[in-house]
Amino acid sequence: MKKLETSEIQRVSYEQFQILPKNPWVLVLDNIRSLHNVGSFFRTADAFAVEKIYLCGITGTPPNREIQKTALGATETVAWEYYEQIRELLLNLKSQNYVIISVEQTDQSISLEKFSVEPQKKYALIFGNEVLGVSPEAIALTDLALEIPQFGTKHSLNVAVSAGIVIWHFLQHKLRT
């Protein structure tokens, strides 16, 4: 076994990425306070060819040096848009037939491993504030909530880590079809 050099990995170019078919999933960042987390979302969205990121409320926007530290250029490849009010965005996404999913612990959450992604559907995945979680305003417009099973003493994961886990779950379903 030999570790691959960067030149051997054969990543697509910026131009190729722009025309590459994207997965029909959008990420909605609901008042994410850490710019490093925002950058991580961009990097993960690039890695898994996510359609778009929506930045809402207090969530920082590019260009920003702190976002760039973790995004490593993904703010240039991943489509994004800012909405001050998440309600306006979610109503817009609903009108475009997105299934609105909050990644949150609720009294009606579905455990992630029990959720089957339907390939013909479009999904909007909401990730909430690092302390407060998904806002009540967003929960009110949510079609369903997904919860990542956890077995330790903590009740949550880092929000950007959660995004990677959920997107990987979605990708696994896509690859099986």
N, C-alpha and C. Protein backbone atom coordinates (compact mmCIF):
# COMPACT_ATOMS: atom_id res chain seq x y z
N MET A 1 0.85 -1.18 0.00
CA MET A 1 0.00 0.00 0.00
C MET A 1 0.89 1.24 0.00
N LYS A 2 0.45 2.23 -0.75
CA LYS A 2 1.18 3.50 -0.85
C LYS A 2 0.18 4.63 -0.80
N LYS A 3 0.49 5.62 -0.01
CA LYS A 3 -0.35 6.81 0.05
C LYS A 3 -0.26 7.53 -1.29
N LEU A 4 -1.42 7.96 -1.80
CA LEU A 4 -1.45 8.68 -3.07
C LEU A 4 -0.97 10.12 -2.89
N GLU A 5 -0.24 10.58 -3.87
CA GLU A 5 0.15 11.98 -3.94
C GLU A 5 -1.07 12.77 -4.45
N THR A 6 -1.12 14.04 -4.17
CA THR A 6 -2.23 14.88 -4.61
C THR A 6 -2.45 14.76 -6.11
N SER A 7 -1.38 14.72 -6.87
CA SER A 7 -1.48 14.64 -8.33
C SER A 7 -2.06 13.30 -8.81
N GLU A 8 -2.05 12.28 -7.96
CA GLU A 8 -2.57 10.96 -8.34
C GLU A 8 -4.05 10.76 -8.01
N ILE A 9 -4.65 11.69 -7.29
CA ILE A 9 -6.02 11.51 -6.80
C ILE A 9 -7.05 11.71 -7.90
N GLN A 10 -6.75 12.46 -8.91
CA GLN A 10 -7.62 12.69 -10.06
C GLN A 10 -8.94 13.35 -9.68
N ARG A 11 -8.87 14.45 -8.99
CA ARG A 11 -10.06 15.24 -8.66
C ARG A 11 -10.50 16.00 -9.90
N VAL A 12 -11.78 16.32 -9.93
CA VAL A 12 -12.29 17.11 -11.05
C VAL A 12 -11.82 18.56 -10.90
N SER A 13 -11.75 19.25 -12.00
CA SER A 13 -11.36 20.66 -11.98
C SER A 13 -12.56 21.51 -11.57
N TYR A 14 -12.30 22.78 -11.31
CA TYR A 14 -13.38 23.72 -10.98
C TYR A 14 -14.41 23.73 -12.10
N GLU A 15 -13.94 23.80 -13.33
CA GLU A 15 -14.84 23.86 -14.48
C GLU A 15 -15.66 22.58 -14.59
N GLN A 16 -15.04 21.42 -14.39
CA GLN A 16 -15.76 20.14 -14.44
C GLN A 16 -16.79 20.06 -13.32
N PHE A 17 -16.42 20.55 -12.15
CA PHE A 17 -17.35 20.50 -11.00
C PHE A 17 -18.60 21.33 -11.28
N GLN A 18 -18.44 22.46 -11.94
CA GLN A 18 -19.58 23.33 -12.21
C GLN A 18 -20.63 22.66 -13.09
N ILE A 19 -20.21 21.77 -14.00
CA ILE A 19 -21.17 21.10 -14.89
C ILE A 19 -21.52 19.69 -14.41
N LEU A 20 -20.87 19.24 -13.40
CA LEU A 20 -21.15 17.92 -12.82
C LEU A 20 -22.56 17.89 -12.24
N PRO A 21 -23.33 16.83 -12.52
CA PRO A 21 -24.66 16.74 -11.90
C PRO A 21 -24.53 16.73 -10.37
N LYS A 22 -25.35 17.53 -9.71
CA LYS A 22 -25.30 17.62 -8.25
C LYS A 22 -26.38 16.73 -7.63
N ASN A 23 -26.14 16.34 -6.41
CA ASN A 23 -27.15 15.59 -5.67
C ASN A 23 -28.28 16.54 -5.30
N PRO A 24 -29.52 16.07 -5.33
CA PRO A 24 -30.68 16.95 -5.10
C PRO A 24 -30.93 17.23 -3.63
N TRP A 25 -29.89 17.61 -2.95
CA TRP A 25 -29.95 17.94 -1.53
C TRP A 25 -29.38 19.32 -1.33
N VAL A 26 -30.07 20.14 -0.55
CA VAL A 26 -29.54 21.44 -0.16
C VAL A 26 -29.35 21.45 1.35
N LEU A 27 -28.37 22.19 1.78
CA LEU A 27 -28.10 22.35 3.21
C LEU A 27 -28.58 23.72 3.64
N VAL A 28 -29.30 23.75 4.75
CA VAL A 28 -29.80 25.01 5.30
C VAL A 28 -29.11 25.21 6.65
N LEU A 29 -28.30 26.25 6.74
CA LEU A 29 -27.58 26.54 7.98
C LEU A 29 -28.36 27.60 8.74
N ASP A 30 -28.95 27.18 9.85
CA ASP A 30 -29.86 27.99 10.65
C ASP A 30 -29.10 28.61 11.84
N ASN A 31 -28.61 29.82 11.63
CA ASN A 31 -27.92 30.56 12.70
C ASN A 31 -26.68 29.85 13.22
N ILE A 32 -25.83 29.38 12.32
CA ILE A 32 -24.56 28.76 12.71
C ILE A 32 -23.60 29.88 13.09
N ARG A 33 -23.10 29.84 14.31
CA ARG A 33 -22.28 30.95 14.79
C ARG A 33 -20.79 30.82 14.47
N SER A 34 -20.29 29.58 14.35
CA SER A 34 -18.87 29.37 14.11
C SER A 34 -18.55 29.44 12.62
N LEU A 35 -17.67 30.36 12.26
CA LEU A 35 -17.26 30.48 10.86
C LEU A 35 -16.48 29.24 10.41
N HIS A 36 -15.80 28.59 11.33
CA HIS A 36 -15.08 27.35 11.00
C HIS A 36 -16.08 26.25 10.64
N ASN A 37 -17.19 26.18 11.37
CA ASN A 37 -18.23 25.21 11.02
C ASN A 37 -18.81 25.51 9.65
N VAL A 38 -19.05 26.78 9.35
CA VAL A 38 -19.58 27.16 8.04
C VAL A 38 -18.61 26.68 6.95
N GLY A 39 -17.34 26.90 7.15
CA GLY A 39 -16.33 26.43 6.18
C GLY A 39 -16.36 24.92 6.02
N SER A 40 -16.55 24.22 7.11
CA SER A 40 -16.63 22.75 7.05
C SER A 40 -17.83 22.29 6.24
N PHE A 41 -18.96 22.98 6.38
CA PHE A 41 -20.13 22.66 5.58
C PHE A 41 -19.81 22.80 4.09
N PHE A 42 -19.13 23.87 3.72
CA PHE A 42 -18.77 24.08 2.32
C PHE A 42 -17.88 22.95 1.81
N ARG A 43 -16.91 22.58 2.60
CA ARG A 43 -15.97 21.54 2.17
C ARG A 43 -16.69 20.20 2.00
N THR A 44 -17.57 19.88 2.94
CA THR A 44 -18.34 18.63 2.86
C THR A 44 -19.29 18.68 1.66
N ALA A 45 -19.94 19.81 1.44
CA ALA A 45 -20.85 19.95 0.30
C ALA A 45 -20.11 19.76 -1.02
N ASP A 46 -18.90 20.26 -1.11
CA ASP A 46 -18.08 20.07 -2.30
C ASP A 46 -17.74 18.59 -2.47
N ALA A 47 -17.31 17.94 -1.40
CA ALA A 47 -16.89 16.54 -1.47
C ALA A 47 -18.01 15.63 -1.96
N PHE A 48 -19.24 15.93 -1.58
CA PHE A 48 -20.37 15.07 -1.92
C PHE A 48 -21.29 15.68 -2.98
N ALA A 49 -20.82 16.70 -3.68
CA ALA A 49 -21.56 17.34 -4.78
C ALA A 49 -22.99 17.69 -4.39
N VAL A 50 -23.11 18.38 -3.25
CA VAL A 50 -24.41 18.86 -2.79
C VAL A 50 -24.83 20.03 -3.68
N GLU A 51 -26.11 20.10 -3.96
CA GLU A 51 -26.64 21.11 -4.89
C GLU A 51 -26.35 22.55 -4.46
N LYS A 52 -26.60 22.88 -3.18
CA LYS A 52 -26.48 24.27 -2.74
C LYS A 52 -26.49 24.35 -1.22
N ILE A 53 -25.93 25.43 -0.71
CA ILE A 53 -26.00 25.74 0.72
C ILE A 53 -26.76 27.05 0.88
N TYR A 54 -27.69 27.07 1.83
CA TYR A 54 -28.39 28.31 2.19
C TYR A 54 -27.92 28.72 3.58
N LEU A 55 -27.47 29.94 3.68
CA LEU A 55 -26.96 30.51 4.94
C LEU A 55 -28.03 31.44 5.48
N CYS A 56 -28.48 31.20 6.71
CA CYS A 56 -29.60 31.96 7.26
C CYS A 56 -29.25 32.62 8.59
N GLY A 57 -29.92 33.75 8.83
CA GLY A 57 -29.79 34.43 10.12
C GLY A 57 -28.39 34.94 10.36
N ILE A 58 -27.81 34.57 11.52
CA ILE A 58 -26.48 35.05 11.89
C ILE A 58 -25.35 34.29 11.23
N THR A 59 -25.66 33.27 10.44
CA THR A 59 -24.63 32.47 9.78
C THR A 59 -23.76 33.38 8.91
N GLY A 60 -22.45 33.27 9.08
CA GLY A 60 -21.52 34.06 8.30
C GLY A 60 -21.52 33.66 6.84
N THR A 61 -21.12 34.57 5.98
CA THR A 61 -21.10 34.33 4.53
C THR A 61 -19.71 34.60 3.96
N PRO A 62 -19.38 33.91 2.87
CA PRO A 62 -18.15 34.24 2.16
C PRO A 62 -18.29 35.60 1.49
N PRO A 63 -17.21 36.26 1.15
CA PRO A 63 -15.84 35.86 1.47
C PRO A 63 -15.50 36.19 2.92
N ASN A 64 -14.83 35.27 3.54
CA ASN A 64 -14.45 35.45 4.94
C ASN A 64 -13.23 34.58 5.22
N ARG A 65 -12.21 35.17 5.77
CA ARG A 65 -10.96 34.46 6.03
C ARG A 65 -11.16 33.25 6.95
N GLU A 66 -11.99 33.40 7.96
CA GLU A 66 -12.22 32.30 8.91
C GLU A 66 -12.98 31.15 8.25
N ILE A 67 -13.93 31.44 7.39
CA ILE A 67 -14.64 30.40 6.65
C ILE A 67 -13.66 29.69 5.73
N GLN A 68 -12.84 30.47 5.06
CA GLN A 68 -11.88 29.93 4.09
C GLN A 68 -10.89 28.96 4.73
N LYS A 69 -10.55 29.17 6.00
CA LYS A 69 -9.59 28.28 6.68
C LYS A 69 -10.01 26.82 6.62
N THR A 70 -11.31 26.57 6.75
CA THR A 70 -11.78 25.18 6.70
C THR A 70 -12.40 24.83 5.36
N ALA A 71 -12.89 25.80 4.62
CA ALA A 71 -13.51 25.52 3.32
C ALA A 71 -12.47 25.15 2.27
N LEU A 72 -11.27 25.68 2.39
CA LEU A 72 -10.17 25.40 1.46
C LEU A 72 -10.58 25.57 -0.01
N GLY A 73 -11.29 26.65 -0.30
CA GLY A 73 -11.66 26.96 -1.67
C GLY A 73 -13.05 26.49 -2.07
N ALA A 74 -13.73 25.72 -1.22
CA ALA A 74 -15.05 25.20 -1.58
C ALA A 74 -16.11 26.30 -1.68
N THR A 75 -15.84 27.46 -1.12
CA THR A 75 -16.80 28.56 -1.28
C THR A 75 -16.84 29.03 -2.74
N GLU A 76 -15.83 28.66 -3.51
CA GLU A 76 -15.78 29.02 -4.93
C GLU A 76 -16.45 27.97 -5.80
N THR A 77 -16.66 26.76 -5.28
CA THR A 77 -17.23 25.69 -6.09
C THR A 77 -18.69 25.39 -5.75
N VAL A 78 -19.07 25.55 -4.50
CA VAL A 78 -20.42 25.21 -4.05
C VAL A 78 -21.31 26.44 -4.16
N ALA A 79 -22.47 26.26 -4.80
CA ALA A 79 -23.44 27.36 -4.90
C ALA A 79 -23.99 27.67 -3.51
N TRP A 80 -24.19 28.95 -3.23
CA TRP A 80 -24.75 29.33 -1.93
C TRP A 80 -25.57 30.60 -2.09
N GLU A 81 -26.42 30.80 -1.09
CA GLU A 81 -27.28 31.98 -1.07
C GLU A 81 -27.58 32.32 0.38
N TYR A 82 -27.74 33.60 0.66
CA TYR A 82 -28.05 34.04 2.02
C TYR A 82 -29.51 34.47 2.12
N TYR A 83 -30.15 34.06 3.20
CA TYR A 83 -31.50 34.50 3.56
C TYR A 83 -31.46 35.00 4.99
N GLU A 84 -31.93 36.19 5.23
CA GLU A 84 -32.00 36.69 6.60
C GLU A 84 -33.04 35.91 7.39
N GLN A 85 -34.18 35.64 6.78
CA GLN A 85 -35.28 34.95 7.45
C GLN A 85 -35.42 33.52 6.92
N ILE A 86 -35.26 32.55 7.79
CA ILE A 86 -35.35 31.15 7.37
C ILE A 86 -36.75 30.78 6.90
N ARG A 87 -37.76 31.41 7.47
CA ARG A 87 -39.14 31.12 7.08
C ARG A 87 -39.35 31.34 5.58
N GLU A 88 -38.88 32.47 5.09
CA GLU A 88 -39.01 32.78 3.66
C GLU A 88 -38.34 31.70 2.80
N LEU A 89 -37.15 31.30 3.19
CA LEU A 89 -36.43 30.26 2.46
C LEU A 89 -37.20 28.94 2.47
N LEU A 90 -37.64 28.50 3.64
CA LEU A 90 -38.31 27.20 3.73
C LEU A 90 -39.62 27.18 2.95
N LEU A 91 -40.36 28.27 2.97
CA LEU A 91 -41.58 28.33 2.18
C LEU A 91 -41.26 28.25 0.68
N ASN A 92 -40.19 28.90 0.28
CA ASN A 92 -39.74 28.85 -1.10
C ASN A 92 -39.35 27.41 -1.49
N LEU A 93 -38.60 26.74 -0.62
CA LEU A 93 -38.18 25.36 -0.90
C LEU A 93 -39.38 24.42 -0.95
N LYS A 94 -40.35 24.62 -0.05
CA LYS A 94 -41.57 23.81 -0.08
C LYS A 94 -42.30 23.98 -1.41
N SER A 95 -42.34 25.19 -1.92
CA SER A 95 -43.01 25.44 -3.19
C SER A 95 -42.29 24.76 -4.36
N GLN A 96 -41.02 24.40 -4.15
CA GLN A 96 -40.24 23.69 -5.16
C GLN A 96 -40.22 22.17 -4.88
N ASN A 97 -41.10 21.74 -3.98
CA ASN A 97 -41.27 20.32 -3.65
C ASN A 97 -40.09 19.67 -2.95
N TYR A 98 -39.34 20.45 -2.19
CA TYR A 98 -38.31 19.86 -1.33
C TYR A 98 -38.97 19.28 -0.09
N VAL A 99 -38.46 18.14 0.36
CA VAL A 99 -38.85 17.60 1.66
C VAL A 99 -37.95 18.32 2.66
N ILE A 100 -38.56 18.99 3.64
CA ILE A 100 -37.82 19.78 4.62
C ILE A 100 -37.53 18.90 5.83
N ILE A 101 -36.24 18.70 6.11
CA ILE A 101 -35.82 17.83 7.20
C ILE A 101 -34.95 18.61 8.18
N SER A 102 -35.33 18.59 9.43
CA SER A 102 -34.48 19.15 10.49
C SER A 102 -33.63 18.02 11.06
N VAL A 103 -32.35 18.25 11.18
CA VAL A 103 -31.49 17.30 11.87
C VAL A 103 -31.48 17.78 13.32
N GLU A 104 -32.34 17.15 14.11
CA GLU A 104 -32.61 17.64 15.46
C GLU A 104 -33.26 16.56 16.30
N GLN A 105 -33.06 16.65 17.59
CA GLN A 105 -33.71 15.75 18.54
C GLN A 105 -35.07 16.34 18.89
N THR A 106 -36.14 15.67 18.42
CA THR A 106 -37.50 16.12 18.72
C THR A 106 -38.29 14.93 19.25
N ASP A 107 -39.51 15.20 19.70
CA ASP A 107 -40.34 14.11 20.19
C ASP A 107 -40.84 13.21 19.06
N GLN A 108 -40.57 13.58 17.81
CA GLN A 108 -40.99 12.76 16.67
C GLN A 108 -39.83 12.43 15.72
N SER A 109 -38.60 12.57 16.21
CA SER A 109 -37.44 12.30 15.37
C SER A 109 -37.41 10.85 14.92
N ILE A 110 -36.92 10.67 13.71
CA ILE A 110 -36.66 9.33 13.17
C ILE A 110 -35.16 9.09 13.29
N SER A 111 -34.78 7.95 13.81
CA SER A 111 -33.36 7.64 13.91
C SER A 111 -32.79 7.48 12.50
N LEU A 112 -31.65 8.07 12.26
CA LEU A 112 -31.08 8.17 10.91
C LEU A 112 -31.02 6.82 10.20
N GLU A 113 -30.62 5.77 10.89
CA GLU A 113 -30.47 4.48 10.23
C GLU A 113 -31.81 3.88 9.79
N LYS A 114 -32.92 4.39 10.30
CA LYS A 114 -34.24 3.90 9.91
C LYS A 114 -34.86 4.72 8.77
N PHE A 115 -34.17 5.77 8.35
CA PHE A 115 -34.69 6.65 7.30
C PHE A 115 -34.19 6.21 5.94
N SER A 116 -35.11 5.99 5.03
CA SER A 116 -34.76 5.63 3.65
C SER A 116 -34.90 6.85 2.75
N VAL A 117 -33.83 7.17 2.08
CA VAL A 117 -33.81 8.29 1.14
C VAL A 117 -34.48 7.82 -0.15
N GLU A 118 -35.44 8.58 -0.62
CA GLU A 118 -36.11 8.25 -1.87
C GLU A 118 -35.42 9.02 -2.99
N PRO A 119 -34.82 8.30 -3.95
CA PRO A 119 -33.99 8.96 -4.97
C PRO A 119 -34.70 9.99 -5.84
N GLN A 120 -36.00 9.87 -5.99
CA GLN A 120 -36.73 10.81 -6.85
C GLN A 120 -37.10 12.11 -6.12
N LYS A 121 -36.84 12.16 -4.81
CA LYS A 121 -37.20 13.36 -4.04
C LYS A 121 -36.02 14.29 -3.86
N LYS A 122 -36.35 15.57 -3.65
CA LYS A 122 -35.35 16.58 -3.32
C LYS A 122 -35.46 16.86 -1.83
N TYR A 123 -34.32 17.04 -1.18
CA TYR A 123 -34.31 17.21 0.27
C TYR A 123 -33.58 18.50 0.67
N ALA A 124 -34.15 19.19 1.65
CA ALA A 124 -33.50 20.33 2.29
C ALA A 124 -33.20 19.91 3.72
N LEU A 125 -31.93 19.88 4.07
CA LEU A 125 -31.48 19.42 5.39
C LEU A 125 -31.10 20.63 6.23
N ILE A 126 -31.83 20.83 7.33
CA ILE A 126 -31.58 21.98 8.20
C ILE A 126 -30.68 21.57 9.35
N PHE A 127 -29.62 22.34 9.54
CA PHE A 127 -28.69 22.16 10.66
C PHE A 127 -28.71 23.43 11.48
N GLY A 128 -28.87 23.28 12.80
CA GLY A 128 -29.09 24.44 13.65
C GLY A 128 -27.87 24.92 14.42
N ASN A 129 -28.11 25.98 15.13
CA ASN A 129 -27.13 26.65 15.98
C ASN A 129 -26.44 25.67 16.91
N GLU A 130 -25.15 25.88 17.14
CA GLU A 130 -24.34 24.98 17.95
C GLU A 130 -24.85 24.82 19.38
N VAL A 131 -25.52 25.80 19.92
CA VAL A 131 -26.04 25.72 21.30
C VAL A 131 -27.54 25.47 21.31
N LEU A 132 -28.27 26.21 20.49
CA LEU A 132 -29.74 26.19 20.53
C LEU A 132 -30.37 25.20 19.57
N GLY A 133 -29.62 24.67 18.62
CA GLY A 133 -30.16 23.73 17.65
C GLY A 133 -30.98 24.42 16.59
N VAL A 134 -31.84 23.64 15.92
CA VAL A 134 -32.71 24.17 14.87
C VAL A 134 -33.75 25.06 15.54
N SER A 135 -33.98 26.23 14.97
CA SER A 135 -34.90 27.20 15.56
C SER A 135 -36.34 26.69 15.55
N PRO A 136 -37.14 27.11 16.53
CA PRO A 136 -38.56 26.74 16.55
C PRO A 136 -39.28 27.14 15.26
N GLU A 137 -38.90 28.27 14.68
CA GLU A 137 -39.49 28.74 13.43
C GLU A 137 -39.26 27.73 12.31
N ALA A 138 -38.05 27.17 12.25
CA ALA A 138 -37.74 26.17 11.23
C ALA A 138 -38.44 24.84 11.54
N ILE A 139 -38.45 24.45 12.80
CA ILE A 139 -39.12 23.20 13.19
C ILE A 139 -40.59 23.24 12.77
N ALA A 140 -41.22 24.39 12.91
CA ALA A 140 -42.64 24.52 12.56
C ALA A 140 -42.90 24.24 11.07
N LEU A 141 -41.90 24.44 10.22
CA LEU A 141 -42.06 24.21 8.79
C LEU A 141 -41.41 22.91 8.31
N THR A 142 -40.97 22.12 9.25
CA THR A 142 -40.28 20.87 8.96
C THR A 142 -41.27 19.75 8.64
N ASP A 143 -40.94 18.96 7.62
CA ASP A 143 -41.75 17.79 7.29
C ASP A 143 -41.42 16.61 8.21
N LEU A 144 -40.15 16.48 8.56
CA LEU A 144 -39.73 15.44 9.49
C LEU A 144 -38.39 15.79 10.09
N ALA A 145 -38.07 15.13 11.21
CA ALA A 145 -36.80 15.36 11.88
C ALA A 145 -36.01 14.05 11.91
N LEU A 146 -34.71 14.17 11.66
CA LEU A 146 -33.80 13.04 11.75
C LEU A 146 -32.88 13.24 12.95
N GLU A 147 -32.62 12.15 13.63
CA GLU A 147 -31.73 12.17 14.79
C GLU A 147 -30.63 11.15 14.59
N ILE A 148 -29.41 11.55 14.84
CA ILE A 148 -28.27 10.65 14.72
C ILE A 148 -28.15 9.87 16.04
N PRO A 149 -28.17 8.53 15.99
CA PRO A 149 -28.06 7.77 17.23
C PRO A 149 -26.71 8.02 17.90
N GLN A 150 -26.73 8.16 19.22
CA GLN A 150 -25.52 8.41 19.99
C GLN A 150 -25.54 7.53 21.23
N PHE A 151 -24.38 7.12 21.68
CA PHE A 151 -24.31 6.16 22.77
C PHE A 151 -23.46 6.61 23.94
N GLY A 152 -22.90 7.80 23.87
CA GLY A 152 -22.06 8.30 24.95
C GLY A 152 -22.81 9.18 25.92
N THR A 153 -22.08 9.95 26.69
CA THR A 153 -22.68 10.80 27.72
C THR A 153 -23.14 12.15 27.18
N LYS A 154 -22.66 12.54 26.02
CA LYS A 154 -23.04 13.83 25.44
C LYS A 154 -24.34 13.68 24.67
N HIS A 155 -25.07 14.75 24.51
CA HIS A 155 -26.36 14.72 23.84
C HIS A 155 -26.31 15.30 22.44
N SER A 156 -25.12 15.62 21.96
CA SER A 156 -25.04 16.20 20.63
C SER A 156 -23.66 15.98 20.03
N LEU A 157 -23.59 16.21 18.73
CA LEU A 157 -22.34 16.18 17.98
C LEU A 157 -22.08 17.58 17.44
N ASN A 158 -20.85 17.83 17.04
CA ASN A 158 -20.56 19.08 16.35
C ASN A 158 -21.45 19.15 15.12
N VAL A 159 -22.00 20.32 14.84
CA VAL A 159 -22.97 20.48 13.77
C VAL A 159 -22.39 20.12 12.40
N ALA A 160 -21.14 20.46 12.16
CA ALA A 160 -20.54 20.13 10.87
C ALA A 160 -20.27 18.63 10.76
N VAL A 161 -19.92 18.00 11.85
CA VAL A 161 -19.75 16.54 11.87
C VAL A 161 -21.10 15.88 11.58
N SER A 162 -22.16 16.40 12.18
CA SER A 162 -23.50 15.87 11.93
C SER A 162 -23.84 15.93 10.45
N ALA A 163 -23.49 17.02 9.81
CA ALA A 163 -23.76 17.16 8.37
C ALA A 163 -23.05 16.07 7.58
N GLY A 164 -21.80 15.81 7.90
CA GLY A 164 -21.06 14.77 7.20
C GLY A 164 -21.71 13.40 7.36
N ILE A 165 -22.17 13.10 8.56
CA ILE A 165 -22.82 11.82 8.82
C ILE A 165 -24.12 11.70 8.03
N VAL A 166 -24.95 12.72 8.07
CA VAL A 166 -26.25 12.69 7.39
C VAL A 166 -26.05 12.63 5.88
N ILE A 167 -25.16 13.43 5.35
CA ILE A 167 -24.93 13.42 3.90
C ILE A 167 -24.38 12.06 3.46
N TRP A 168 -23.51 11.48 4.26
CA TRP A 168 -22.98 10.15 3.93
C TRP A 168 -24.11 9.13 3.89
N HIS A 169 -25.04 9.22 4.83
CA HIS A 169 -26.21 8.33 4.84
C HIS A 169 -27.00 8.50 3.54
N PHE A 170 -27.23 9.74 3.13
CA PHE A 170 -27.96 10.01 1.89
C PHE A 170 -27.21 9.45 0.70
N LEU A 171 -25.90 9.61 0.67
CA LEU A 171 -25.10 9.11 -0.44
C LEU A 171 -25.14 7.59 -0.50
N GLN A 172 -25.10 6.94 0.63
CA GLN A 172 -25.18 5.48 0.65
C GLN A 172 -26.46 4.98 0.00
N HIS A 173 -27.55 5.64 0.28
CA HIS A 173 -28.83 5.26 -0.34
C HIS A 173 -28.78 5.49 -1.85
N LYS A 174 -28.16 6.56 -2.27
CA LYS A 174 -28.06 6.87 -3.70
C LYS A 174 -27.20 5.81 -4.41
N LEU A 175 -26.10 5.42 -3.78
CA LEU A 175 -25.20 4.47 -4.40
C LEU A 175 -25.81 3.07 -4.51
N ARG A 176 -26.76 2.76 -3.64
CA ARG A 176 -27.42 1.45 -3.68
C ARG A 176 -28.47 1.36 -4.78
N THR A 177 -28.91 2.50 -5.31
CA THR A 177 -29.98 2.46 -6.32
C THR A 177 -29.43 2.45 -7.72
